[in-house]
Amino acid sequence: MSAEFPRASFWRRFASLIYDSLVVISLSMLTAILYFAVIQILITLGVIVQTEGLDPAGFIDETPLLSGIRSALFVGVNIVFFVYFWTKSGQTIGMRAWRLKVQTCDGELISWSQAVIRSVTALFGLGNLVVLVDFKNKRALQDYLSKTEVVTLTKEENKRIYRSLD
């Protein structure tokens, strides 16, 4: 455990997750718009033949390959969002607002592989429920599996990290 900062409580993690969910929803909406635009262009160019009577969204839903690509894009956007922020500063936008930081148990930034493991094993935030019963260590499922921890920073340390990103 980091000697400098205490591990984060469930409720701080939950509040941070709400903030980050809003950002991820926005990114997913942008991804959907761009994906629909690309599909529409491919239909217009004749690269893809659209089923009669369906709009592009309905056509994507009815086509397993296109539907699968859309789902993979959504998952990919989510993973890239968290991996990028966790490896760059240890903080997502929501974590910065709630003064949280993910780090190794030695206080270092986490690696790309640790970040991917964290994002995949978080189970849409449900992994944080482990914190409610892990009174002693205050670690979530994804913390154990990726060998990381989430700590609560002081206001000064949070500002220092934010300034160092410039």
N, C-alpha and C. Protein backbone atom coordinates (compact mmCIF):
# COMPACT_ATOMS: atom_id res chain seq x y z
N MET A 1 0.84 -1.18 0.00
CA MET A 1 0.00 0.00 0.00
C MET A 1 0.88 1.23 0.00
N SER A 2 0.42 2.26 -0.71
CA SER A 2 1.15 3.52 -0.76
C SER A 2 1.17 4.16 0.62
N ALA A 3 2.35 4.53 1.09
CA ALA A 3 2.46 5.13 2.41
C ALA A 3 2.01 6.59 2.39
N GLU A 4 2.06 7.22 1.23
CA GLU A 4 1.75 8.64 1.13
C GLU A 4 0.27 8.96 1.19
N PHE A 5 -0.54 8.22 0.48
CA PHE A 5 -1.95 8.55 0.34
C PHE A 5 -2.82 7.35 0.71
N PRO A 6 -4.00 7.61 1.33
CA PRO A 6 -4.90 6.51 1.68
C PRO A 6 -5.61 5.97 0.44
N ARG A 7 -5.98 4.71 0.50
CA ARG A 7 -6.73 4.11 -0.60
C ARG A 7 -8.14 4.69 -0.64
N ALA A 8 -8.69 4.75 -1.84
CA ALA A 8 -9.98 5.40 -2.07
C ALA A 8 -11.15 4.54 -1.60
N SER A 9 -12.16 5.21 -1.10
CA SER A 9 -13.38 4.53 -0.67
C SER A 9 -14.26 4.19 -1.87
N PHE A 10 -15.22 3.34 -1.63
CA PHE A 10 -16.17 2.95 -2.67
C PHE A 10 -16.91 4.17 -3.21
N TRP A 11 -17.39 5.04 -2.34
CA TRP A 11 -18.23 6.16 -2.78
C TRP A 11 -17.47 7.17 -3.61
N ARG A 12 -16.21 7.39 -3.30
CA ARG A 12 -15.39 8.29 -4.15
C ARG A 12 -15.18 7.66 -5.52
N ARG A 13 -14.91 6.37 -5.54
CA ARG A 13 -14.75 5.66 -6.81
C ARG A 13 -16.04 5.73 -7.63
N PHE A 14 -17.17 5.54 -6.95
CA PHE A 14 -18.47 5.55 -7.61
C PHE A 14 -18.75 6.93 -8.23
N ALA A 15 -18.50 8.00 -7.47
CA ALA A 15 -18.72 9.35 -7.97
C ALA A 15 -17.83 9.63 -9.19
N SER A 16 -16.59 9.19 -9.12
CA SER A 16 -15.67 9.34 -10.24
C SER A 16 -16.16 8.58 -11.47
N LEU A 17 -16.68 7.39 -11.24
CA LEU A 17 -17.20 6.57 -12.33
C LEU A 17 -18.39 7.25 -13.02
N ILE A 18 -19.23 7.93 -12.25
CA ILE A 18 -20.36 8.67 -12.83
C ILE A 18 -19.84 9.76 -13.77
N TYR A 19 -18.86 10.52 -13.33
CA TYR A 19 -18.26 11.56 -14.18
C TYR A 19 -17.69 10.94 -15.46
N ASP A 20 -16.90 9.89 -15.29
CA ASP A 20 -16.27 9.26 -16.44
C ASP A 20 -17.30 8.64 -17.38
N SER A 21 -18.40 8.15 -16.83
CA SER A 21 -19.46 7.58 -17.67
C SER A 21 -20.03 8.62 -18.62
N LEU A 22 -20.17 9.85 -18.16
CA LEU A 22 -20.68 10.92 -19.02
C LEU A 22 -19.73 11.18 -20.19
N VAL A 23 -18.43 11.16 -19.90
CA VAL A 23 -17.44 11.36 -20.96
C VAL A 23 -17.46 10.19 -21.94
N VAL A 24 -17.51 8.98 -21.41
CA VAL A 24 -17.50 7.79 -22.27
C VAL A 24 -18.77 7.73 -23.13
N ILE A 25 -19.90 8.12 -22.57
CA ILE A 25 -21.15 8.16 -23.36
C ILE A 25 -21.00 9.15 -24.51
N SER A 26 -20.41 10.30 -24.23
CA SER A 26 -20.18 11.30 -25.29
C SER A 26 -19.26 10.76 -26.37
N LEU A 27 -18.18 10.10 -25.96
CA LEU A 27 -17.27 9.51 -26.94
C LEU A 27 -17.95 8.41 -27.76
N SER A 28 -18.81 7.63 -27.10
CA SER A 28 -19.54 6.57 -27.80
C SER A 28 -20.52 7.16 -28.81
N MET A 29 -21.16 8.27 -28.44
CA MET A 29 -22.08 8.92 -29.38
C MET A 29 -21.32 9.44 -30.60
N LEU A 30 -20.16 10.04 -30.37
CA LEU A 30 -19.34 10.53 -31.48
C LEU A 30 -18.89 9.37 -32.36
N THR A 31 -18.49 8.27 -31.73
CA THR A 31 -18.10 7.07 -32.48
C THR A 31 -19.25 6.57 -33.33
N ALA A 32 -20.45 6.53 -32.77
CA ALA A 32 -21.63 6.07 -33.52
C ALA A 32 -21.91 6.97 -34.71
N ILE A 33 -21.82 8.28 -34.52
CA ILE A 33 -22.06 9.22 -35.62
C ILE A 33 -21.06 8.99 -36.74
N LEU A 34 -19.78 8.88 -36.38
CA LEU A 34 -18.75 8.65 -37.39
C LEU A 34 -18.94 7.30 -38.09
N TYR A 35 -19.29 6.28 -37.33
CA TYR A 35 -19.50 4.95 -37.91
C TYR A 35 -20.69 4.97 -38.88
N PHE A 36 -21.80 5.59 -38.47
CA PHE A 36 -22.95 5.69 -39.36
C PHE A 36 -22.60 6.47 -40.63
N ALA A 37 -21.79 7.53 -40.50
CA ALA A 37 -21.38 8.32 -41.66
C ALA A 37 -20.55 7.48 -42.62
N VAL A 38 -19.63 6.69 -42.08
CA VAL A 38 -18.80 5.83 -42.93
C VAL A 38 -19.67 4.79 -43.64
N ILE A 39 -20.59 4.19 -42.93
CA ILE A 39 -21.49 3.19 -43.55
C ILE A 39 -22.32 3.85 -44.64
N GLN A 40 -22.84 5.05 -44.38
CA GLN A 40 -23.64 5.75 -45.38
C GLN A 40 -22.81 6.06 -46.63
N ILE A 41 -21.57 6.47 -46.44
CA ILE A 41 -20.68 6.74 -47.57
C ILE A 41 -20.44 5.46 -48.37
N LEU A 42 -20.19 4.35 -47.66
CA LEU A 42 -19.96 3.07 -48.35
C LEU A 42 -21.20 2.61 -49.11
N ILE A 43 -22.37 2.88 -48.57
CA ILE A 43 -23.63 2.54 -49.26
C ILE A 43 -23.78 3.41 -50.50
N THR A 44 -23.51 4.71 -50.35
CA THR A 44 -23.62 5.65 -51.47
C THR A 44 -22.65 5.29 -52.59
N LEU A 45 -21.45 4.86 -52.25
CA LEU A 45 -20.45 4.48 -53.25
C LEU A 45 -20.71 3.10 -53.86
N GLY A 46 -21.65 2.37 -53.29
CA GLY A 46 -21.97 1.04 -53.79
C GLY A 46 -21.07 -0.06 -53.28
N VAL A 47 -20.21 0.24 -52.34
CA VAL A 47 -19.32 -0.76 -51.75
C VAL A 47 -20.14 -1.75 -50.92
N ILE A 48 -21.17 -1.23 -50.24
CA ILE A 48 -22.09 -2.05 -49.46
C ILE A 48 -23.47 -1.90 -50.07
N VAL A 49 -24.16 -3.01 -50.24
CA VAL A 49 -25.52 -2.98 -50.78
C VAL A 49 -26.49 -3.05 -49.61
N GLN A 50 -27.27 -1.99 -49.47
CA GLN A 50 -28.20 -1.89 -48.35
C GLN A 50 -29.51 -2.60 -48.66
N THR A 51 -30.07 -3.25 -47.67
CA THR A 51 -31.36 -3.92 -47.79
C THR A 51 -32.45 -2.87 -48.01
N GLU A 52 -33.36 -3.15 -48.94
CA GLU A 52 -34.46 -2.23 -49.24
C GLU A 52 -35.30 -1.95 -48.00
N GLY A 53 -35.70 -0.70 -47.83
CA GLY A 53 -36.63 -0.33 -46.77
C GLY A 53 -36.00 -0.10 -45.41
N LEU A 54 -34.69 -0.25 -45.30
CA LEU A 54 -34.03 -0.02 -44.00
C LEU A 54 -33.17 1.24 -44.05
N ASP A 55 -33.21 2.01 -42.99
CA ASP A 55 -32.29 3.14 -42.88
C ASP A 55 -30.92 2.58 -42.48
N PRO A 56 -29.86 3.39 -42.55
CA PRO A 56 -28.52 2.86 -42.21
C PRO A 56 -28.44 2.23 -40.81
N ALA A 57 -29.09 2.83 -39.82
CA ALA A 57 -29.05 2.26 -38.47
C ALA A 57 -29.72 0.89 -38.42
N GLY A 58 -30.88 0.77 -39.07
CA GLY A 58 -31.57 -0.52 -39.13
C GLY A 58 -30.77 -1.55 -39.91
N PHE A 59 -30.12 -1.08 -40.98
CA PHE A 59 -29.29 -1.97 -41.78
C PHE A 59 -28.12 -2.52 -40.96
N ILE A 60 -27.50 -1.67 -40.16
CA ILE A 60 -26.39 -2.10 -39.29
C ILE A 60 -26.90 -3.12 -38.28
N ASP A 61 -28.06 -2.85 -37.68
CA ASP A 61 -28.63 -3.78 -36.70
C ASP A 61 -28.95 -5.14 -37.31
N GLU A 62 -29.35 -5.16 -38.57
CA GLU A 62 -29.74 -6.41 -39.24
C GLU A 62 -28.55 -7.18 -39.82
N THR A 63 -27.38 -6.55 -39.87
CA THR A 63 -26.19 -7.17 -40.44
C THR A 63 -25.22 -7.54 -39.32
N PRO A 64 -25.06 -8.84 -39.04
CA PRO A 64 -24.20 -9.25 -37.91
C PRO A 64 -22.78 -8.69 -37.96
N LEU A 65 -22.17 -8.66 -39.13
CA LEU A 65 -20.80 -8.15 -39.23
C LEU A 65 -20.74 -6.67 -38.86
N LEU A 66 -21.64 -5.87 -39.44
CA LEU A 66 -21.65 -4.43 -39.16
C LEU A 66 -22.01 -4.15 -37.70
N SER A 67 -22.94 -4.92 -37.18
CA SER A 67 -23.33 -4.78 -35.77
C SER A 67 -22.16 -5.15 -34.86
N GLY A 68 -21.43 -6.20 -35.20
CA GLY A 68 -20.26 -6.61 -34.42
C GLY A 68 -19.15 -5.58 -34.46
N ILE A 69 -18.93 -4.99 -35.62
CA ILE A 69 -17.91 -3.94 -35.74
C ILE A 69 -18.29 -2.75 -34.87
N ARG A 70 -19.56 -2.37 -34.90
CA ARG A 70 -20.03 -1.25 -34.08
C ARG A 70 -19.80 -1.54 -32.59
N SER A 71 -20.13 -2.74 -32.16
CA SER A 71 -19.93 -3.11 -30.75
C SER A 71 -18.45 -3.09 -30.38
N ALA A 72 -17.61 -3.61 -31.26
CA ALA A 72 -16.17 -3.61 -31.01
C ALA A 72 -15.62 -2.19 -30.92
N LEU A 73 -16.15 -1.30 -31.76
CA LEU A 73 -15.73 0.10 -31.69
C LEU A 73 -16.09 0.73 -30.34
N PHE A 74 -17.30 0.46 -29.86
CA PHE A 74 -17.71 1.00 -28.56
C PHE A 74 -16.82 0.49 -27.43
N VAL A 75 -16.55 -0.80 -27.43
CA VAL A 75 -15.68 -1.38 -26.40
C VAL A 75 -14.28 -0.79 -26.52
N GLY A 76 -13.79 -0.70 -27.75
CA GLY A 76 -12.45 -0.15 -27.99
C GLY A 76 -12.31 1.28 -27.52
N VAL A 77 -13.31 2.11 -27.79
CA VAL A 77 -13.28 3.51 -27.35
C VAL A 77 -13.22 3.59 -25.83
N ASN A 78 -14.00 2.76 -25.16
CA ASN A 78 -13.99 2.73 -23.69
C ASN A 78 -12.62 2.34 -23.15
N ILE A 79 -12.07 1.28 -23.69
CA ILE A 79 -10.77 0.80 -23.21
C ILE A 79 -9.68 1.83 -23.48
N VAL A 80 -9.66 2.40 -24.69
CA VAL A 80 -8.64 3.39 -25.03
C VAL A 80 -8.74 4.62 -24.13
N PHE A 81 -9.95 5.06 -23.83
CA PHE A 81 -10.13 6.20 -22.94
C PHE A 81 -9.45 5.97 -21.60
N PHE A 82 -9.79 4.86 -20.94
CA PHE A 82 -9.24 4.59 -19.62
C PHE A 82 -7.74 4.30 -19.68
N VAL A 83 -7.30 3.49 -20.63
CA VAL A 83 -5.88 3.14 -20.73
C VAL A 83 -5.04 4.39 -20.96
N TYR A 84 -5.49 5.25 -21.84
CA TYR A 84 -4.72 6.48 -22.12
C TYR A 84 -4.53 7.31 -20.87
N PHE A 85 -5.62 7.63 -20.19
CA PHE A 85 -5.53 8.49 -19.01
C PHE A 85 -4.79 7.83 -17.86
N TRP A 86 -5.04 6.55 -17.63
CA TRP A 86 -4.37 5.87 -16.52
C TRP A 86 -2.87 5.80 -16.72
N THR A 87 -2.41 5.60 -17.95
CA THR A 87 -0.97 5.48 -18.19
C THR A 87 -0.30 6.84 -18.32
N LYS A 88 -1.05 7.87 -18.68
CA LYS A 88 -0.46 9.20 -18.84
C LYS A 88 -0.26 9.91 -17.50
N SER A 89 -1.31 9.88 -16.65
CA SER A 89 -1.22 10.62 -15.38
C SER A 89 -1.76 9.83 -14.19
N GLY A 90 -2.38 8.68 -14.45
CA GLY A 90 -3.00 7.92 -13.37
C GLY A 90 -4.40 8.39 -13.05
N GLN A 91 -4.89 9.39 -13.81
CA GLN A 91 -6.19 9.97 -13.53
C GLN A 91 -7.01 10.15 -14.80
N THR A 92 -8.26 9.71 -14.75
CA THR A 92 -9.22 10.07 -15.79
C THR A 92 -9.80 11.43 -15.41
N ILE A 93 -10.69 11.94 -16.22
CA ILE A 93 -11.32 13.23 -15.93
C ILE A 93 -12.11 13.17 -14.62
N GLY A 94 -12.87 12.11 -14.45
CA GLY A 94 -13.64 11.94 -13.21
C GLY A 94 -12.74 11.74 -12.01
N MET A 95 -11.66 11.01 -12.18
CA MET A 95 -10.73 10.79 -11.08
C MET A 95 -10.07 12.09 -10.65
N ARG A 96 -9.78 12.94 -11.63
CA ARG A 96 -9.16 14.23 -11.30
C ARG A 96 -10.12 15.08 -10.47
N ALA A 97 -11.40 15.06 -10.84
CA ALA A 97 -12.40 15.84 -10.11
C ALA A 97 -12.54 15.36 -8.66
N TRP A 98 -12.38 14.06 -8.46
CA TRP A 98 -12.54 13.48 -7.11
C TRP A 98 -11.21 13.20 -6.43
N ARG A 99 -10.12 13.73 -7.02
CA ARG A 99 -8.77 13.61 -6.45
C ARG A 99 -8.34 12.15 -6.24
N LEU A 100 -8.63 11.32 -7.23
CA LEU A 100 -8.22 9.92 -7.18
C LEU A 100 -7.10 9.69 -8.17
N LYS A 101 -6.30 8.67 -7.89
CA LYS A 101 -5.23 8.30 -8.81
C LYS A 101 -5.05 6.80 -8.75
N VAL A 102 -4.92 6.16 -9.92
CA VAL A 102 -4.59 4.75 -9.98
C VAL A 102 -3.08 4.65 -10.16
N GLN A 103 -2.48 3.74 -9.43
CA GLN A 103 -1.03 3.58 -9.47
C GLN A 103 -0.67 2.16 -9.08
N THR A 104 0.61 1.83 -9.28
CA THR A 104 1.08 0.54 -8.78
C THR A 104 1.13 0.63 -7.27
N CYS A 105 1.30 -0.47 -6.61
CA CYS A 105 1.38 -0.46 -5.14
C CYS A 105 2.66 0.22 -4.65
N ASP A 106 3.59 0.49 -5.57
CA ASP A 106 4.81 1.23 -5.24
C ASP A 106 4.68 2.72 -5.52
N GLY A 107 3.49 3.16 -5.97
CA GLY A 107 3.26 4.57 -6.23
C GLY A 107 3.64 5.05 -7.61
N GLU A 108 3.95 4.13 -8.53
CA GLU A 108 4.34 4.49 -9.89
C GLU A 108 3.13 4.47 -10.83
N LEU A 109 3.28 5.12 -12.00
CA LEU A 109 2.23 5.03 -13.01
C LEU A 109 2.11 3.59 -13.49
N ILE A 110 0.90 3.20 -13.85
CA ILE A 110 0.71 1.82 -14.29
C ILE A 110 1.09 1.67 -15.76
N SER A 111 1.40 0.44 -16.15
CA SER A 111 1.80 0.15 -17.53
C SER A 111 0.56 -0.02 -18.40
N TRP A 112 0.78 -0.06 -19.71
CA TRP A 112 -0.33 -0.28 -20.65
C TRP A 112 -1.00 -1.62 -20.38
N SER A 113 -0.21 -2.66 -20.11
CA SER A 113 -0.82 -3.97 -19.87
C SER A 113 -1.64 -3.96 -18.59
N GLN A 114 -1.16 -3.31 -17.55
CA GLN A 114 -1.95 -3.21 -16.33
C GLN A 114 -3.24 -2.42 -16.57
N ALA A 115 -3.16 -1.37 -17.36
CA ALA A 115 -4.34 -0.55 -17.65
C ALA A 115 -5.37 -1.34 -18.45
N VAL A 116 -4.91 -2.13 -19.40
CA VAL A 116 -5.85 -2.96 -20.18
C VAL A 116 -6.50 -4.00 -19.27
N ILE A 117 -5.71 -4.64 -18.43
CA ILE A 117 -6.27 -5.63 -17.50
C ILE A 117 -7.30 -4.96 -16.59
N ARG A 118 -6.98 -3.77 -16.06
CA ARG A 118 -7.92 -3.04 -15.20
C ARG A 118 -9.22 -2.75 -15.92
N SER A 119 -9.13 -2.23 -17.14
CA SER A 119 -10.35 -1.83 -17.84
C SER A 119 -11.21 -3.03 -18.24
N VAL A 120 -10.58 -4.14 -18.60
CA VAL A 120 -11.34 -5.32 -18.99
C VAL A 120 -11.96 -6.02 -17.77
N THR A 121 -11.26 -6.02 -16.66
CA THR A 121 -11.74 -6.75 -15.48
C THR A 121 -12.60 -5.90 -14.54
N ALA A 122 -12.78 -4.62 -14.86
CA ALA A 122 -13.61 -3.76 -14.01
C ALA A 122 -15.09 -4.14 -14.10
N LEU A 123 -15.46 -4.88 -15.13
CA LEU A 123 -16.84 -5.36 -15.29
C LEU A 123 -17.84 -4.22 -15.21
N PHE A 124 -17.61 -3.16 -16.02
CA PHE A 124 -18.50 -2.00 -16.08
C PHE A 124 -18.65 -1.32 -14.72
N GLY A 125 -17.61 -1.34 -13.92
CA GLY A 125 -17.64 -0.71 -12.61
C GLY A 125 -18.05 -1.63 -11.48
N LEU A 126 -18.58 -2.81 -11.80
CA LEU A 126 -19.05 -3.72 -10.76
C LEU A 126 -17.91 -4.27 -9.91
N GLY A 127 -16.70 -4.30 -10.47
CA GLY A 127 -15.54 -4.76 -9.70
C GLY A 127 -15.28 -3.90 -8.46
N ASN A 128 -15.79 -2.67 -8.49
CA ASN A 128 -15.61 -1.77 -7.34
C ASN A 128 -16.41 -2.21 -6.13
N LEU A 129 -17.40 -3.06 -6.32
CA LEU A 129 -18.20 -3.54 -5.20
C LEU A 129 -17.35 -4.31 -4.18
N VAL A 130 -16.24 -4.86 -4.64
CA VAL A 130 -15.34 -5.60 -3.74
C VAL A 130 -14.83 -4.68 -2.63
N VAL A 131 -14.68 -3.38 -2.94
CA VAL A 131 -14.19 -2.42 -1.95
C VAL A 131 -15.13 -2.38 -0.73
N LEU A 132 -16.40 -2.61 -0.95
CA LEU A 132 -17.38 -2.57 0.15
C LEU A 132 -17.15 -3.68 1.18
N VAL A 133 -16.55 -4.78 0.78
CA VAL A 133 -16.31 -5.88 1.72
C VAL A 133 -14.83 -6.05 2.07
N ASP A 134 -13.97 -5.38 1.34
CA ASP A 134 -12.53 -5.46 1.60
C ASP A 134 -12.12 -4.27 2.49
N PHE A 135 -12.58 -4.31 3.74
CA PHE A 135 -12.37 -3.19 4.66
C PHE A 135 -10.90 -2.87 4.89
N LYS A 136 -10.10 -3.90 4.99
CA LYS A 136 -8.69 -3.71 5.33
C LYS A 136 -7.89 -3.09 4.18
N ASN A 137 -8.03 -3.64 2.97
CA ASN A 137 -7.20 -3.20 1.85
C ASN A 137 -7.84 -2.16 0.93
N LYS A 138 -9.17 -2.05 0.93
CA LYS A 138 -9.90 -1.13 0.06
C LYS A 138 -9.44 -1.23 -1.39
N ARG A 139 -9.42 -2.46 -1.90
CA ARG A 139 -9.05 -2.67 -3.29
C ARG A 139 -10.20 -3.35 -4.02
N ALA A 140 -10.38 -2.97 -5.27
CA ALA A 140 -11.43 -3.53 -6.11
C ALA A 140 -10.89 -4.77 -6.83
N LEU A 141 -11.79 -5.50 -7.46
CA LEU A 141 -11.41 -6.69 -8.22
C LEU A 141 -10.33 -6.35 -9.23
N GLN A 142 -10.53 -5.26 -9.99
CA GLN A 142 -9.55 -4.87 -11.01
C GLN A 142 -8.21 -4.46 -10.40
N ASP A 143 -8.23 -3.96 -9.17
CA ASP A 143 -6.97 -3.63 -8.49
C ASP A 143 -6.16 -4.89 -8.20
N TYR A 144 -6.83 -5.90 -7.68
CA TYR A 144 -6.14 -7.16 -7.38
C TYR A 144 -5.61 -7.81 -8.65
N LEU A 145 -6.43 -7.86 -9.69
CA LEU A 145 -6.03 -8.56 -10.91
C LEU A 145 -4.94 -7.83 -11.69
N SER A 146 -4.88 -6.52 -11.57
CA SER A 146 -3.86 -5.75 -12.30
C SER A 146 -2.71 -5.29 -11.40
N LYS A 147 -2.75 -5.69 -10.13
CA LYS A 147 -1.70 -5.32 -9.16
C LYS A 147 -1.56 -3.79 -9.05
N THR A 148 -2.71 -3.13 -8.85
CA THR A 148 -2.74 -1.68 -8.72
C THR A 148 -3.53 -1.28 -7.48
N GLU A 149 -3.60 0.02 -7.24
CA GLU A 149 -4.42 0.56 -6.18
C GLU A 149 -4.93 1.93 -6.61
N VAL A 150 -6.03 2.37 -6.00
CA VAL A 150 -6.56 3.70 -6.25
C VAL A 150 -6.46 4.45 -4.94
N VAL A 151 -5.78 5.60 -4.99
CA VAL A 151 -5.56 6.39 -3.78
C VAL A 151 -6.27 7.73 -3.88
N THR A 152 -6.54 8.32 -2.71
CA THR A 152 -7.12 9.66 -2.64
C THR A 152 -5.98 10.65 -2.40
N LEU A 153 -5.85 11.60 -3.30
CA LEU A 153 -4.76 12.58 -3.24
C LEU A 153 -5.16 13.79 -2.40
N THR A 154 -4.16 14.50 -1.95
CA THR A 154 -4.42 15.80 -1.33
C THR A 154 -4.72 16.80 -2.45
N LYS A 155 -5.29 17.94 -2.09
CA LYS A 155 -5.57 18.96 -3.11
C LYS A 155 -4.28 19.43 -3.77
N GLU A 156 -3.23 19.56 -2.99
CA GLU A 156 -1.96 20.03 -3.53
C GLU A 156 -1.37 19.04 -4.53
N GLU A 157 -1.39 17.75 -4.18
CA GLU A 157 -0.85 16.73 -5.08
C GLU A 157 -1.68 16.64 -6.35
N ASN A 158 -2.99 16.75 -6.22
CA ASN A 158 -3.86 16.71 -7.39
C ASN A 158 -3.53 17.86 -8.34
N LYS A 159 -3.33 19.04 -7.80
CA LYS A 159 -2.95 20.22 -8.62
C LYS A 159 -1.59 20.01 -9.26
N ARG A 160 -0.65 19.45 -8.49
CA ARG A 160 0.70 19.21 -9.02
C ARG A 160 0.65 18.29 -10.23
N ILE A 161 -0.11 17.22 -10.14
CA ILE A 161 -0.22 16.28 -11.26
C ILE A 161 -0.85 16.97 -12.45
N TYR A 162 -1.89 17.75 -12.21
CA TYR A 162 -2.57 18.44 -13.30
C TYR A 162 -1.63 19.42 -14.00
N ARG A 163 -0.85 20.16 -13.22
CA ARG A 163 0.10 21.13 -13.81
C ARG A 163 1.21 20.43 -14.57
N SER A 164 1.61 19.25 -14.14
CA SER A 164 2.71 18.54 -14.80
C SER A 164 2.33 18.03 -16.19
N LEU A 165 1.05 18.04 -16.52
CA LEU A 165 0.60 17.54 -17.82
C LEU A 165 0.81 18.55 -18.94
N ASP A 166 1.08 19.79 -18.61
CA ASP A 166 1.27 20.83 -19.64
C ASP A 166 2.49 20.60 -20.46
